[in-house]
N, C-alpha and C. Protein backbone atom coordinates (compact mmCIF):
# COMPACT_ATOMS: atom_id res chain seq x y z
N UNK A 1 -7.16 5.54 8.69
CA UNK A 1 -6.97 4.73 7.51
C UNK A 1 -6.73 5.65 6.32
N UNK A 2 -5.78 5.26 5.51
CA UNK A 2 -5.36 6.09 4.38
C UNK A 2 -6.08 5.67 3.10
N UNK A 3 -6.43 6.65 2.31
CA UNK A 3 -7.00 6.39 0.99
C UNK A 3 -5.86 6.00 0.05
N UNK A 4 -6.19 5.27 -0.99
CA UNK A 4 -5.18 4.79 -1.92
C UNK A 4 -4.35 5.93 -2.53
N UNK A 5 -4.95 7.04 -2.96
CA UNK A 5 -4.11 8.13 -3.50
C UNK A 5 -3.09 8.66 -2.48
N UNK A 6 -3.46 8.66 -1.20
CA UNK A 6 -2.53 9.10 -0.16
C UNK A 6 -1.36 8.13 -0.04
N UNK A 7 -1.65 6.84 -0.12
CA UNK A 7 -0.61 5.82 -0.05
C UNK A 7 0.32 5.94 -1.26
N UNK A 8 -0.27 6.11 -2.44
CA UNK A 8 0.52 6.20 -3.66
C UNK A 8 1.46 7.41 -3.63
N UNK A 9 0.98 8.53 -3.10
CA UNK A 9 1.84 9.72 -2.97
C UNK A 9 2.99 9.44 -2.00
N UNK A 10 2.68 8.78 -0.90
CA UNK A 10 3.71 8.53 0.11
C UNK A 10 4.78 7.57 -0.39
N UNK A 11 4.39 6.55 -1.12
CA UNK A 11 5.39 5.59 -1.59
C UNK A 11 5.91 5.95 -2.98
N UNK A 12 5.40 7.05 -3.53
CA UNK A 12 5.85 7.55 -4.85
C UNK A 12 5.75 6.49 -5.93
N UNK A 13 4.52 6.02 -6.11
CA UNK A 13 4.28 4.96 -7.07
C UNK A 13 2.98 5.26 -7.82
N UNK A 14 2.95 4.89 -9.09
CA UNK A 14 1.72 5.07 -9.86
C UNK A 14 0.71 4.00 -9.46
N UNK A 15 -0.54 4.27 -9.77
CA UNK A 15 -1.61 3.31 -9.46
C UNK A 15 -1.36 2.00 -10.21
N UNK A 16 -0.96 2.09 -11.47
CA UNK A 16 -0.72 0.88 -12.27
C UNK A 16 0.42 0.05 -11.68
N UNK A 17 1.50 0.70 -11.29
CA UNK A 17 2.63 -0.02 -10.69
C UNK A 17 2.23 -0.66 -9.36
N UNK A 18 1.40 0.05 -8.60
CA UNK A 18 0.93 -0.48 -7.32
C UNK A 18 0.11 -1.75 -7.55
N UNK A 19 -0.78 -1.74 -8.52
CA UNK A 19 -1.61 -2.91 -8.78
C UNK A 19 -0.79 -4.06 -9.37
N UNK A 20 0.24 -3.77 -10.15
CA UNK A 20 1.14 -4.84 -10.63
C UNK A 20 1.85 -5.49 -9.45
N UNK A 21 2.32 -4.67 -8.51
CA UNK A 21 2.99 -5.17 -7.32
C UNK A 21 2.02 -6.04 -6.51
N UNK A 22 0.78 -5.58 -6.35
CA UNK A 22 -0.22 -6.34 -5.60
C UNK A 22 -0.53 -7.67 -6.30
N UNK A 23 -0.52 -7.68 -7.64
CA UNK A 23 -0.77 -8.92 -8.39
C UNK A 23 0.32 -9.95 -8.14
N UNK A 24 1.52 -9.48 -7.81
CA UNK A 24 2.64 -10.38 -7.49
C UNK A 24 2.63 -10.79 -6.02
N UNK A 25 1.60 -10.38 -5.28
CA UNK A 25 1.50 -10.75 -3.87
C UNK A 25 2.34 -9.89 -2.95
N UNK A 26 2.69 -8.70 -3.41
CA UNK A 26 3.51 -7.79 -2.62
C UNK A 26 2.69 -6.55 -2.29
N UNK A 27 3.24 -5.72 -1.42
CA UNK A 27 2.59 -4.47 -1.08
C UNK A 27 1.91 -4.54 0.28
N UNK A 28 1.48 -3.39 0.76
CA UNK A 28 0.82 -3.34 2.07
C UNK A 28 -0.56 -3.99 2.02
N UNK A 29 -1.01 -4.42 3.17
CA UNK A 29 -2.34 -5.03 3.28
C UNK A 29 -3.42 -3.98 3.02
N UNK A 30 -4.37 -4.34 2.18
CA UNK A 30 -5.49 -3.45 1.86
C UNK A 30 -6.74 -3.90 2.61
N UNK A 31 -7.56 -2.94 2.98
CA UNK A 31 -8.86 -3.21 3.56
C UNK A 31 -9.91 -2.66 2.61
N UNK A 32 -10.90 -3.47 2.31
CA UNK A 32 -11.98 -3.04 1.42
C UNK A 32 -13.20 -2.68 2.27
N UNK A 33 -13.66 -1.48 2.13
CA UNK A 33 -14.82 -1.02 2.87
C UNK A 33 -16.10 -1.56 2.23
N UNK A 34 -17.21 -1.57 2.96
CA UNK A 34 -18.47 -2.06 2.38
C UNK A 34 -18.88 -1.34 1.09
N UNK A 35 -18.46 -0.08 0.93
CA UNK A 35 -18.81 0.65 -0.29
C UNK A 35 -17.84 0.37 -1.44
N UNK A 36 -16.86 -0.52 -1.21
CA UNK A 36 -15.92 -0.91 -2.25
C UNK A 36 -14.64 -0.11 -2.28
N UNK A 37 -14.55 0.95 -1.49
CA UNK A 37 -13.34 1.76 -1.45
C UNK A 37 -12.24 1.02 -0.72
N UNK A 38 -11.00 1.25 -1.15
CA UNK A 38 -9.84 0.61 -0.54
C UNK A 38 -9.17 1.55 0.45
N UNK A 39 -8.72 1.00 1.54
CA UNK A 39 -8.00 1.77 2.55
C UNK A 39 -6.81 0.96 3.02
N UNK A 40 -5.80 1.66 3.52
CA UNK A 40 -4.62 1.03 4.11
C UNK A 40 -4.44 1.61 5.50
N UNK A 41 -4.35 0.74 6.48
CA UNK A 41 -4.09 1.21 7.84
C UNK A 41 -2.69 1.77 7.91
N UNK A 42 -2.52 2.85 8.64
CA UNK A 42 -1.20 3.46 8.80
C UNK A 42 -0.20 2.43 9.33
N UNK A 43 -0.61 1.62 10.30
CA UNK A 43 0.29 0.63 10.89
C UNK A 43 0.71 -0.42 9.85
N UNK A 44 -0.21 -0.82 8.96
CA UNK A 44 0.14 -1.79 7.91
C UNK A 44 1.11 -1.18 6.91
N UNK A 45 0.90 0.08 6.55
CA UNK A 45 1.81 0.74 5.62
C UNK A 45 3.19 0.89 6.23
N UNK A 46 3.25 1.32 7.49
CA UNK A 46 4.55 1.48 8.16
C UNK A 46 5.28 0.15 8.27
N UNK A 47 4.56 -0.92 8.61
CA UNK A 47 5.18 -2.24 8.72
C UNK A 47 5.71 -2.69 7.36
N UNK A 48 4.95 -2.46 6.31
CA UNK A 48 5.39 -2.85 4.98
C UNK A 48 6.62 -2.06 4.56
N UNK A 49 6.59 -0.74 4.82
CA UNK A 49 7.74 0.09 4.48
C UNK A 49 8.99 -0.38 5.23
N UNK A 50 8.84 -0.72 6.51
CA UNK A 50 9.96 -1.21 7.30
C UNK A 50 10.51 -2.50 6.70
N UNK A 51 9.63 -3.35 6.20
CA UNK A 51 10.08 -4.63 5.62
C UNK A 51 10.80 -4.44 4.29
N UNK A 52 10.63 -3.27 3.66
CA UNK A 52 11.25 -3.00 2.37
C UNK A 52 12.65 -2.41 2.49
N UNK A 53 13.05 -2.05 3.70
CA UNK A 53 14.37 -1.45 3.89
C UNK A 53 15.44 -2.49 3.61
N UNK A 54 16.49 -2.05 2.96
CA UNK A 54 17.62 -2.92 2.64
C UNK A 54 18.74 -2.64 3.63
N UNK A 55 19.18 -3.69 4.30
CA UNK A 55 20.28 -3.51 5.26
C UNK A 55 21.61 -3.58 4.51
N UNK A 56 22.45 -2.60 4.76
CA UNK A 56 23.77 -2.59 4.12
C UNK A 56 24.83 -2.89 5.14
C-alpha cells in the first residue's frame, strides 16, 4: 500500500489538487487505516491510471 506522498509524486499532483479532485468524486480509491493515515493500494492506483488514458 502506498502512502499519499508516494501517490502524489507518481501522478505529479499537489496535495491540494488531489483533494480538489477527490471532492469532485474522482481519483483513486483511498483506504483509511485505524490510525487515520491514508493509503492507496497499488492495484487501485494502476486501475485508476488506466481509466484516465485517452484513446486517440
